[in-house]
Amino acid sequence: MSTDTGDRLTSELLPSRGMLRDRTRRIVLEVVVPILAMIALWDALAIVLGDPNTLPRPVMTFERTVTVATTEDFHGLTGIDHLQYSLRRAVLASLLALAASVAVGVLMTTSRPFEKGLSSLLPFAMTIPTVVIILLSMVWLGFNERGVIIAVVIASTPFGIVNMWQGAQDIDTDLITMAQSFGASTVQLWRDVYVPHLLPYIFGSYRYVFGMVWKIVVLGEVFGLQEGLGTRFRYHYQIGEIESVLAYLMLFVIVILVVEYVVLKPVEAYAFKWKD
């Protein structure tokens, strides 16, 4: 390899290393530092209270998290198994809610009568208590996974629709008219106009919807299922094991962080790579 070639390769690698350093620094500042600060505050509060039954210290909770994650309960399921049940429901429900939000949000922008009719119903849909939606869904559909997923989609979709509707209103209508005048198909409009413009709103909506879905899924599990993190919260709360409740909560929080920084962030960076 010539010297010039080696220098060129080195110069190409340096920006990547710089980007890696910047990304690492950003993760430390945005994730690691806040988490450590919260743990320190938690530990200080636990010391002040001095009652492990009310608020155990972080070390005790982390040890308990490892135990519940790897130990089978009386159903023969570990904490990881319960986590997988909840995660599967949350992912399915959030994707269904996102798909409905995108479709309805764009349709509200392109159809004036549909927009007028639905815009008056959205505030009502967003004010219905989530607990009521879950209970009615389970009474009508049964205390099963289907009832929980449908309740979650119904409760979360209106919020996603509002976000996507607001985003779709910013689409350049002249661009759509021009594309249609050149005979662009519906598939081409979605691929080349709607989706590129709506990508920031789609990612923003999914983060919001997924966070909401997680909470609603766990709440639904509390009411009527036999597996999932919500069932563990219910059981350990009933027998007064606050440490175990917090231990399962740690699993919940870990998943949220993994989804955000291991899944969504890289996918988002790839989706917007064309902007660089």
C-alpha atoms as a PDB file:
ATOM      1  CA  MET A   1       0.000   0.000   0.000  1.00  0.00           C
ATOM      2  CA  SER A   2       1.378   3.406  -0.997  1.00  0.00           C
ATOM      3  CA  THR A   3       1.859   6.242   1.450  1.00  0.00           C
ATOM      4  CA  ASP A   4      -0.789   8.342  -0.317  1.00  0.00           C
ATOM      5  CA  THR A   5      -3.296   5.507  -0.091  1.00  0.00           C
ATOM      6  CA  GLY A   6      -2.565   5.031   3.593  1.00  0.00           C
ATOM      7  CA  ASP A   7      -2.923   8.752   4.268  1.00  0.00           C
ATOM      8  CA  ARG A   8      -6.209   8.817   2.389  1.00  0.00           C
ATOM      9  CA  LEU A   9      -7.560   5.872   4.345  1.00  0.00           C
ATOM     10  CA  THR A  10      -6.438   7.489   7.583  1.00  0.00           C
ATOM     11  CA  SER A  11      -8.172  10.760   6.697  1.00  0.00           C
ATOM     12  CA  GLU A  12     -11.350   8.833   5.897  1.00  0.00           C
ATOM     13  CA  LEU A  13     -11.233   7.055   9.234  1.00  0.00           C
ATOM     14  CA  LEU A  14     -10.632  10.129  11.381  1.00  0.00           C
ATOM     15  CA  PRO A  15     -14.121  11.649  10.897  1.00  0.00           C
ATOM     16  CA  SER A  16     -15.657   8.325  11.878  1.00  0.00           C
ATOM     17  CA  ARG A  17     -13.623   8.288  15.060  1.00  0.00           C
ATOM     18  CA  GLY A  18     -14.675  11.862  15.751  1.00  0.00           C
ATOM     19  CA  MET A  19     -18.302  10.970  15.186  1.00  0.00           C
ATOM     20  CA  LEU A  20     -17.902   8.015  17.539  1.00  0.00           C
ATOM     21  CA  ARG A  21     -16.436  10.261  20.234  1.00  0.00           C
ATOM     22  CA  ASP A  22     -19.236  12.777  19.802  1.00  0.00           C
ATOM     23  CA  ARG A  23     -21.866  10.052  19.971  1.00  0.00           C
ATOM     24  CA  THR A  24     -20.294   8.554  23.077  1.00  0.00           C
ATOM     25  CA  ARG A  25     -20.077  11.967  24.756  1.00  0.00           C
ATOM     26  CA  ARG A  26     -23.707  12.681  23.901  1.00  0.00           C
ATOM     27  CA  ILE A  27     -24.878   9.340  25.317  1.00  0.00           C
ATOM     28  CA  VAL A  28     -22.920   9.938  28.508  1.00  0.00           C
ATOM     29  CA  LEU A  29     -24.425  13.400  28.969  1.00  0.00           C
ATOM     30  CA  GLU A  30     -27.963  12.473  27.945  1.00  0.00           C
ATOM     31  CA  VAL A  31     -28.261   9.022  29.516  1.00  0.00           C
ATOM     32  CA  VAL A  32     -25.502   8.013  31.909  1.00  0.00           C
ATOM     33  CA  VAL A  33     -25.244  11.243  33.907  1.00  0.00           C
ATOM     34  CA  PRO A  34     -29.036  11.631  34.486  1.00  0.00           C
ATOM     35  CA  ILE A  35     -29.350   7.968  35.474  1.00  0.00           C
ATOM     36  CA  LEU A  36     -26.467   8.203  37.936  1.00  0.00           C
ATOM     37  CA  ALA A  37     -27.964  11.395  39.384  1.00  0.00           C
ATOM     38  CA  MET A  38     -31.332   9.697  39.863  1.00  0.00           C
ATOM     39  CA  ILE A  39     -29.698   6.688  41.510  1.00  0.00           C
ATOM     40  CA  ALA A  40     -27.778   8.969  43.864  1.00  0.00           C
ATOM     41  CA  LEU A  41     -30.978  10.834  44.768  1.00  0.00           C
ATOM     42  CA  TRP A  42     -32.790   7.533  45.264  1.00  0.00           C
ATOM     43  CA  ASP A  43     -30.035   6.248  47.556  1.00  0.00           C
ATOM     44  CA  ALA A  44     -30.018   9.450  49.595  1.00  0.00           C
ATOM     45  CA  LEU A  45     -33.791   9.344  50.028  1.00  0.00           C
ATOM     46  CA  ALA A  46     -33.660   5.677  51.052  1.00  0.00           C
ATOM     47  CA  ILE A  47     -31.019   6.482  53.689  1.00  0.00           C
ATOM     48  CA  VAL A  48     -33.130   9.335  55.043  1.00  0.00           C
ATOM     49  CA  LEU A  49     -36.258   7.160  55.277  1.00  0.00           C
ATOM     50  CA  GLY A  50     -34.298   4.291  56.790  1.00  0.00           C
ATOM     51  CA  ASP A  51     -37.005   1.712  56.006  1.00  0.00           C
ATOM     52  CA  PRO A  52     -36.218  -0.906  53.320  1.00  0.00           C
ATOM     53  CA  ASN A  53     -39.867  -1.993  53.311  1.00  0.00           C
ATOM     54  CA  THR A  54     -40.861   1.489  52.155  1.00  0.00           C
ATOM     55  CA  LEU A  55     -37.927   2.349  49.893  1.00  0.00           C
ATOM     56  CA  PRO A  56     -35.028  -0.103  49.563  1.00  0.00           C
ATOM     57  CA  ARG A  57     -31.623   1.187  48.536  1.00  0.00           C
ATOM     58  CA  PRO A  58     -30.571   0.866  44.857  1.00  0.00           C
ATOM     59  CA  VAL A  59     -28.032  -1.911  45.479  1.00  0.00           C
ATOM     60  CA  MET A  60     -30.665  -4.078  47.161  1.00  0.00           C
ATOM     61  CA  THR A  61     -33.096  -3.413  44.307  1.00  0.00           C
ATOM     62  CA  PHE A  62     -30.549  -4.229  41.610  1.00  0.00           C
ATOM     63  CA  GLU A  63     -29.690  -7.498  43.339  1.00  0.00           C
ATOM     64  CA  ARG A  64     -33.383  -8.320  43.550  1.00  0.00           C
ATOM     65  CA  THR A  65     -33.778  -7.459  39.851  1.00  0.00           C
ATOM     66  CA  VAL A  66     -31.200 -10.094  38.912  1.00  0.00           C
ATOM     67  CA  THR A  67     -33.016 -12.610  41.131  1.00  0.00           C
ATOM     68  CA  VAL A  68     -36.500 -12.033  39.711  1.00  0.00           C
ATOM     69  CA  ALA A  69     -35.136 -11.943  36.170  1.00  0.00           C
ATOM     70  CA  THR A  70     -33.656 -15.428  36.458  1.00  0.00           C
ATOM     71  CA  THR A  71     -35.866 -17.225  39.010  1.00  0.00           C
ATOM     72  CA  GLU A  72     -39.083 -19.018  38.060  1.00  0.00           C
ATOM     73  CA  ASP A  73     -42.298 -18.091  39.873  1.00  0.00           C
ATOM     74  CA  PHE A  74     -45.213 -20.411  40.677  1.00  0.00           C
ATOM     75  CA  HIS A  75     -46.282 -20.206  36.998  1.00  0.00           C
ATOM     76  CA  GLY A  76     -42.871 -21.483  35.929  1.00  0.00           C
ATOM     77  CA  LEU A  77     -41.954 -18.114  34.392  1.00  0.00           C
ATOM     78  CA  THR A  78     -38.948 -15.912  35.085  1.00  0.00           C
ATOM     79  CA  GLY A  79     -38.964 -12.124  35.066  1.00  0.00           C
ATOM     80  CA  ILE A  80     -37.447 -12.233  31.573  1.00  0.00           C
ATOM     81  CA  ASP A  81     -40.349 -14.419  30.418  1.00  0.00           C
ATOM     82  CA  HIS A  82     -42.879 -11.935  31.804  1.00  0.00           C
ATOM     83  CA  LEU A  83     -40.929  -9.116  30.171  1.00  0.00           C
ATOM     84  CA  GLN A  84     -41.114 -10.851  26.800  1.00  0.00           C
ATOM     85  CA  TYR A  85     -44.898 -11.178  27.072  1.00  0.00           C
ATOM     86  CA  SER A  86     -45.286  -7.481  27.861  1.00  0.00           C
ATOM     87  CA  LEU A  87     -42.796  -6.392  25.202  1.00  0.00           C
ATOM     88  CA  ARG A  88     -44.508  -8.441  22.501  1.00  0.00           C
ATOM     89  CA  ARG A  89     -47.871  -6.892  23.343  1.00  0.00           C
ATOM     90  CA  ALA A  90     -46.407  -3.386  23.494  1.00  0.00           C
ATOM     91  CA  VAL A  91     -44.601  -3.680  20.145  1.00  0.00           C
ATOM     92  CA  LEU A  92     -47.642  -5.130  18.365  1.00  0.00           C
ATOM     93  CA  ALA A  93     -50.046  -2.568  19.821  1.00  0.00           C
ATOM     94  CA  SER A  94     -47.697   0.375  19.180  1.00  0.00           C
ATOM     95  CA  LEU A  95     -47.136  -0.603  15.544  1.00  0.00           C
ATOM     96  CA  LEU A  96     -50.884  -0.974  14.976  1.00  0.00           C
ATOM     97  CA  ALA A  97     -51.510   2.391  16.643  1.00  0.00           C
ATOM     98  CA  LEU A  98     -48.748   4.048  14.581  1.00  0.00           C
ATOM     99  CA  ALA A  99     -50.072   2.633  11.296  1.00  0.00           C
ATOM    100  CA  ALA A 100     -53.586   3.862  12.103  1.00  0.00           C
ATOM    101  CA  SER A 101     -52.238   7.252  13.188  1.00  0.00           C
ATOM    102  CA  VAL A 102     -50.293   7.798   9.963  1.00  0.00           C
ATOM    103  CA  ALA A 103     -53.165   6.678   7.710  1.00  0.00           C
ATOM    104  CA  VAL A 104     -55.857   8.700   9.496  1.00  0.00           C
ATOM    105  CA  GLY A 105     -53.622  11.750   9.988  1.00  0.00           C
ATOM    106  CA  VAL A 106     -52.849  11.968   6.268  1.00  0.00           C
ATOM    107  CA  LEU A 107     -56.469  11.263   5.335  1.00  0.00           C
ATOM    108  CA  MET A 108     -57.615  14.121   7.555  1.00  0.00           C
ATOM    109  CA  THR A 109     -55.312  16.419   5.616  1.00  0.00           C
ATOM    110  CA  THR A 110     -56.442  15.279   2.174  1.00  0.00           C
ATOM    111  CA  SER A 111     -60.193  15.050   2.906  1.00  0.00           C
ATOM    112  CA  ARG A 112     -61.869  18.149   4.286  1.00  0.00           C
ATOM    113  CA  PRO A 113     -65.165  16.455   5.262  1.00  0.00           C
ATOM    114  CA  PHE A 114     -63.275  13.658   7.025  1.00  0.00           C
ATOM    115  CA  GLU A 115     -61.144  16.213   8.853  1.00  0.00           C
ATOM    116  CA  LYS A 116     -64.181  18.174  10.065  1.00  0.00           C
ATOM    117  CA  GLY A 117     -65.951  15.061  11.242  1.00  0.00           C
ATOM    118  CA  LEU A 118     -63.030  13.493  13.069  1.00  0.00           C
ATOM    119  CA  SER A 119     -61.434  16.638  14.511  1.00  0.00           C
ATOM    120  CA  SER A 120     -64.496  17.171  16.705  1.00  0.00           C
ATOM    121  CA  LEU A 121     -64.291  13.596  18.019  1.00  0.00           C
ATOM    122  CA  LEU A 122     -60.563  13.488  18.827  1.00  0.00           C
ATOM    123  CA  PRO A 123     -60.744  15.641  21.996  1.00  0.00           C
ATOM    124  CA  PHE A 124     -63.482  13.368  23.320  1.00  0.00           C
ATOM    125  CA  ALA A 125     -61.470  10.229  22.485  1.00  0.00           C
ATOM    126  CA  MET A 126     -58.389  11.599  24.254  1.00  0.00           C
ATOM    127  CA  THR A 127     -60.270  12.391  27.467  1.00  0.00           C
ATOM    128  CA  ILE A 128     -61.800   8.943  28.037  1.00  0.00           C
ATOM    129  CA  PRO A 129     -60.051   7.382  31.073  1.00  0.00           C
ATOM    130  CA  THR A 130     -57.701   4.592  30.039  1.00  0.00           C
ATOM    131  CA  VAL A 131     -58.971   2.388  32.852  1.00  0.00           C
ATOM    132  CA  VAL A 132     -62.501   2.583  31.441  1.00  0.00           C
ATOM    133  CA  ILE A 133     -61.283   1.595  27.963  1.00  0.00           C
ATOM    134  CA  ILE A 134     -59.377  -1.395  29.362  1.00  0.00           C
ATOM    135  CA  LEU A 135     -62.274  -2.605  31.501  1.00  0.00           C
ATOM    136  CA  LEU A 136     -64.839  -2.295  28.706  1.00  0.00           C
ATOM    137  CA  SER A 137     -62.530  -4.016  26.231  1.00  0.00           C
ATOM    138  CA  MET A 138     -61.947  -6.916  28.588  1.00  0.00           C
ATOM    139  CA  VAL A 139     -65.637  -7.258  29.430  1.00  0.00           C
ATOM    140  CA  TRP A 140     -66.576  -7.301  25.745  1.00  0.00           C
ATOM    141  CA  LEU A 141     -63.610  -9.287  24.368  1.00  0.00           C
ATOM    142  CA  GLY A 142     -62.547 -11.303  27.399  1.00  0.00           C
ATOM    143  CA  PHE A 143     -59.773 -11.030  29.958  1.00  0.00           C
ATOM    144  CA  ASN A 144     -57.116 -12.112  27.505  1.00  0.00           C
ATOM    145  CA  GLU A 145     -54.294 -10.767  25.391  1.00  0.00           C
ATOM    146  CA  ARG A 146     -56.592  -9.729  22.549  1.00  0.00           C
ATOM    147  CA  GLY A 147     -58.661  -7.585  24.907  1.00  0.00           C
ATOM    148  CA  VAL A 148     -55.540  -5.843  26.217  1.00  0.00           C
ATOM    149  CA  ILE A 149     -54.055  -5.154  22.766  1.00  0.00           C
ATOM    150  CA  ILE A 150     -57.290  -3.737  21.346  1.00  0.00           C
ATOM    151  CA  ALA A 151     -57.769  -1.559  24.428  1.00  0.00           C
ATOM    152  CA  VAL A 152     -54.217  -0.256  24.073  1.00  0.00           C
ATOM    153  CA  VAL A 153     -54.674   0.580  20.386  1.00  0.00           C
ATOM    154  CA  ILE A 154     -57.969   2.381  21.055  1.00  0.00           C
ATOM    155  CA  ALA A 155     -56.510   4.384  23.949  1.00  0.00           C
ATOM    156  CA  SER A 156     -53.257   5.435  22.258  1.00  0.00           C
ATOM    157  CA  THR A 157     -54.210   5.971  18.615  1.00  0.00           C
ATOM    158  CA  PRO A 158     -56.013   9.344  19.043  1.00  0.00           C
ATOM    159  CA  PHE A 159     -52.837  10.925  20.425  1.00  0.00           C
ATOM    160  CA  GLY A 160     -50.802   9.632  17.491  1.00  0.00           C
ATOM    161  CA  ILE A 161     -53.434  10.855  15.022  1.00  0.00           C
ATOM    162  CA  VAL A 162     -53.226  14.406  16.351  1.00  0.00           C
ATOM    163  CA  ASN A 163     -49.438  14.454  15.973  1.00  0.00           C
ATOM    164  CA  MET A 164     -49.510  13.025  12.449  1.00  0.00           C
ATOM    165  CA  TRP A 165     -52.386  15.314  11.431  1.00  0.00           C
ATOM    166  CA  GLN A 166     -50.401  18.364  12.495  1.00  0.00           C
ATOM    167  CA  GLY A 167     -47.357  17.076  10.621  1.00  0.00           C
ATOM    168  CA  ALA A 168     -49.311  16.271   7.457  1.00  0.00           C
ATOM    169  CA  GLN A 169     -50.758  19.783   7.375  1.00  0.00           C
ATOM    170  CA  ASP A 170     -47.263  21.107   6.619  1.00  0.00           C
ATOM    171  CA  ILE A 171     -46.955  19.090   3.401  1.00  0.00           C
ATOM    172  CA  ASP A 172     -46.589  21.272   0.337  1.00  0.00           C
ATOM    173  CA  THR A 173     -49.917  20.805  -1.472  1.00  0.00           C
ATOM    174  CA  ASP A 174     -48.458  22.322  -4.650  1.00  0.00           C
ATOM    175  CA  LEU A 175     -45.934  19.500  -4.732  1.00  0.00           C
ATOM    176  CA  ILE A 176     -48.726  16.936  -4.453  1.00  0.00           C
ATOM    177  CA  THR A 177     -50.726  18.661  -7.199  1.00  0.00           C
ATOM    178  CA  MET A 178     -47.687  18.704  -9.469  1.00  0.00           C
ATOM    179  CA  ALA A 179     -46.995  15.020  -8.823  1.00  0.00           C
ATOM    180  CA  GLN A 180     -50.600  14.127  -9.604  1.00  0.00           C
ATOM    181  CA  SER A 181     -50.524  16.215 -12.806  1.00  0.00           C
ATOM    182  CA  PHE A 182     -47.562  14.111 -13.965  1.00  0.00           C
ATOM    183  CA  GLY A 183     -49.532  10.945 -13.286  1.00  0.00           C
ATOM    184  CA  ALA A 184     -47.843   9.892 -10.040  1.00  0.00           C
ATOM    185  CA  SER A 185     -49.543   6.887  -8.492  1.00  0.00           C
ATOM    186  CA  THR A 186     -50.716   6.676  -4.891  1.00  0.00           C
ATOM    187  CA  VAL A 187     -47.728   4.441  -4.079  1.00  0.00           C
ATOM    188  CA  GLN A 188     -45.326   7.008  -5.563  1.00  0.00           C
ATOM    189  CA  LEU A 189     -46.962   9.842  -3.619  1.00  0.00           C
ATOM    190  CA  TRP A 190     -46.558   7.951  -0.367  1.00  0.00           C
ATOM    191  CA  ARG A 191     -42.990   6.870  -1.133  1.00  0.00           C
ATOM    192  CA  ASP A 192     -41.628  10.142  -2.504  1.00  0.00           C
ATOM    193  CA  VAL A 193     -43.757  12.830  -0.836  1.00  0.00           C
ATOM    194  CA  TYR A 194     -45.660  11.755   2.248  1.00  0.00           C
ATOM    195  CA  VAL A 195     -43.166   9.413   3.911  1.00  0.00           C
ATOM    196  CA  PRO A 196     -40.030  11.634   3.561  1.00  0.00           C
ATOM    197  CA  HIS A 197     -41.934  14.624   4.939  1.00  0.00           C
ATOM    198  CA  LEU A 198     -43.604  12.679   7.730  1.00  0.00           C
ATOM    199  CA  LEU A 199     -40.542  10.731   8.924  1.00  0.00           C
ATOM    200  CA  PRO A 200     -39.732  13.144  11.802  1.00  0.00           C
ATOM    201  CA  TYR A 201     -43.370  13.039  12.911  1.00  0.00           C
ATOM    202  CA  ILE A 202     -43.479   9.256  12.566  1.00  0.00           C
ATOM    203  CA  PHE A 203     -40.472   8.797  14.846  1.00  0.00           C
ATOM    204  CA  GLY A 204     -41.800  11.373  17.288  1.00  0.00           C
ATOM    205  CA  SER A 205     -45.237   9.769  17.308  1.00  0.00           C
ATOM    206  CA  TYR A 206     -43.821   6.294  17.781  1.00  0.00           C
ATOM    207  CA  ARG A 207     -41.766   7.372  20.784  1.00  0.00           C
ATOM    208  CA  TYR A 208     -44.814   8.985  22.331  1.00  0.00           C
ATOM    209  CA  VAL A 209     -47.161   6.123  21.446  1.00  0.00           C
ATOM    210  CA  PHE A 210     -44.719   3.426  22.552  1.00  0.00           C
ATOM    211  CA  GLY A 211     -44.212   5.060  25.936  1.00  0.00           C
ATOM    212  CA  MET A 212     -47.964   5.326  26.392  1.00  0.00           C
ATOM    213  CA  VAL A 213     -48.566   1.786  25.130  1.00  0.00           C
ATOM    214  CA  TRP A 214     -46.049   0.344  27.599  1.00  0.00           C
ATOM    215  CA  LYS A 215     -47.944   1.871  30.519  1.00  0.00           C
ATOM    216  CA  ILE A 216     -51.354   0.824  29.233  1.00  0.00           C
ATOM    217  CA  VAL A 217     -50.207  -2.738  28.526  1.00  0.00           C
ATOM    218  CA  VAL A 218     -48.906  -3.096  32.076  1.00  0.00           C
ATOM    219  CA  LEU A 219     -52.153  -1.631  33.425  1.00  0.00           C
ATOM    220  CA  GLY A 220     -54.190  -4.077  31.365  1.00  0.00           C
ATOM    221  CA  GLU A 221     -52.085  -6.975  32.649  1.00  0.00           C
ATOM    222  CA  VAL A 222     -52.745  -5.848  36.200  1.00  0.00           C
ATOM    223  CA  PHE A 223     -56.481  -6.232  35.659  1.00  0.00           C
ATOM    224  CA  GLY A 224     -56.858  -9.626  34.107  1.00  0.00           C
ATOM    225  CA  LEU A 225     -53.903 -11.589  32.727  1.00  0.00           C
ATOM    226  CA  GLN A 226     -51.668 -14.296  34.159  1.00  0.00           C
ATOM    227  CA  GLU A 227     -48.368 -13.350  32.528  1.00  0.00           C
ATOM    228  CA  GLY A 228     -46.590 -10.078  31.932  1.00  0.00           C
ATOM    229  CA  LEU A 229     -44.933  -7.435  34.089  1.00  0.00           C
ATOM    230  CA  GLY A 230     -48.292  -6.059  35.187  1.00  0.00           C
ATOM    231  CA  THR A 231     -49.199  -9.369  36.832  1.00  0.00           C
ATOM    232  CA  ARG A 232     -45.953  -9.248  38.813  1.00  0.00           C
ATOM    233  CA  PHE A 233     -46.634  -5.690  39.957  1.00  0.00           C
ATOM    234  CA  ARG A 234     -50.087  -6.755  41.117  1.00  0.00           C
ATOM    235  CA  TYR A 235     -48.893  -9.860  42.954  1.00  0.00           C
ATOM    236  CA  HIS A 236     -45.946  -8.312  44.788  1.00  0.00           C
ATOM    237  CA  TYR A 237     -47.930  -5.194  45.684  1.00  0.00           C
ATOM    238  CA  GLN A 238     -50.656  -7.352  47.212  1.00  0.00           C
ATOM    239  CA  ILE A 239     -48.178  -9.164  49.442  1.00  0.00           C
ATOM    240  CA  GLY A 240     -46.337  -5.953  50.298  1.00  0.00           C
ATOM    241  CA  GLU A 241     -42.986  -6.677  48.588  1.00  0.00           C
ATOM    242  CA  ILE A 242     -42.025  -3.180  47.456  1.00  0.00           C
ATOM    243  CA  GLU A 243     -38.487  -4.311  46.662  1.00  0.00           C
ATOM    244  CA  SER A 244     -39.801  -6.824  44.113  1.00  0.00           C
ATOM    245  CA  VAL A 245     -42.120  -4.202  42.625  1.00  0.00           C
ATOM    246  CA  LEU A 246     -39.133  -1.919  42.089  1.00  0.00           C
ATOM    247  CA  ALA A 247     -37.096  -4.837  40.743  1.00  0.00           C
ATOM    248  CA  TYR A 248     -39.640  -5.509  38.014  1.00  0.00           C
ATOM    249  CA  LEU A 249     -39.797  -1.770  37.379  1.00  0.00           C
ATOM    250  CA  MET A 250     -36.051  -1.881  36.670  1.00  0.00           C
ATOM    251  CA  LEU A 251     -36.697  -4.421  33.903  1.00  0.00           C
ATOM    252  CA  PHE A 252     -39.355  -2.077  32.542  1.00  0.00           C
ATOM    253  CA  VAL A 253     -36.960   0.890  32.508  1.00  0.00           C
ATOM    254  CA  ILE A 254     -34.120  -1.123  30.949  1.00  0.00           C
ATOM    255  CA  VAL A 255     -36.350  -2.070  28.010  1.00  0.00           C
ATOM    256  CA  ILE A 256     -37.359   1.558  27.445  1.00  0.00           C
ATOM    257  CA  LEU A 257     -33.679   2.581  27.328  1.00  0.00           C
ATOM    258  CA  VAL A 258     -32.755  -0.290  25.000  1.00  0.00           C
ATOM    259  CA  VAL A 259     -35.618   0.486  22.610  1.00  0.00           C
ATOM    260  CA  GLU A 260     -34.678   4.175  22.508  1.00  0.00           C
ATOM    261  CA  TYR A 261     -30.876   3.988  22.240  1.00  0.00           C
ATOM    262  CA  VAL A 262     -30.271   0.566  20.665  1.00  0.00           C
ATOM    263  CA  VAL A 263     -33.230   0.391  18.275  1.00  0.00           C
ATOM    264  CA  LEU A 264     -34.873   3.761  17.561  1.00  0.00           C
ATOM    265  CA  LYS A 265     -31.795   5.993  17.562  1.00  0.00           C
ATOM    266  CA  PRO A 266     -29.812   3.865  15.033  1.00  0.00           C
ATOM    267  CA  VAL A 267     -32.889   3.383  12.825  1.00  0.00           C
ATOM    268  CA  GLU A 268     -33.599   7.111  12.935  1.00  0.00           C
ATOM    269  CA  ALA A 269     -29.976   7.934  12.076  1.00  0.00           C
ATOM    270  CA  TYR A 270     -30.149   5.551   9.106  1.00  0.00           C
ATOM    271  CA  ALA A 271     -33.497   6.958   7.932  1.00  0.00           C
ATOM    272  CA  PHE A 272     -32.143  10.516   7.931  1.00  0.00           C
ATOM    273  CA  LYS A 273     -28.720   9.621   6.538  1.00  0.00           C
ATOM    274  CA  TRP A 274     -29.681  11.235   3.222  1.00  0.00           C
ATOM    275  CA  LYS A 275     -29.683  14.645   4.936  1.00  0.00           C
ATOM    276  CA  ASP A 276     -25.939  14.462   5.714  1.00  0.00           C
END
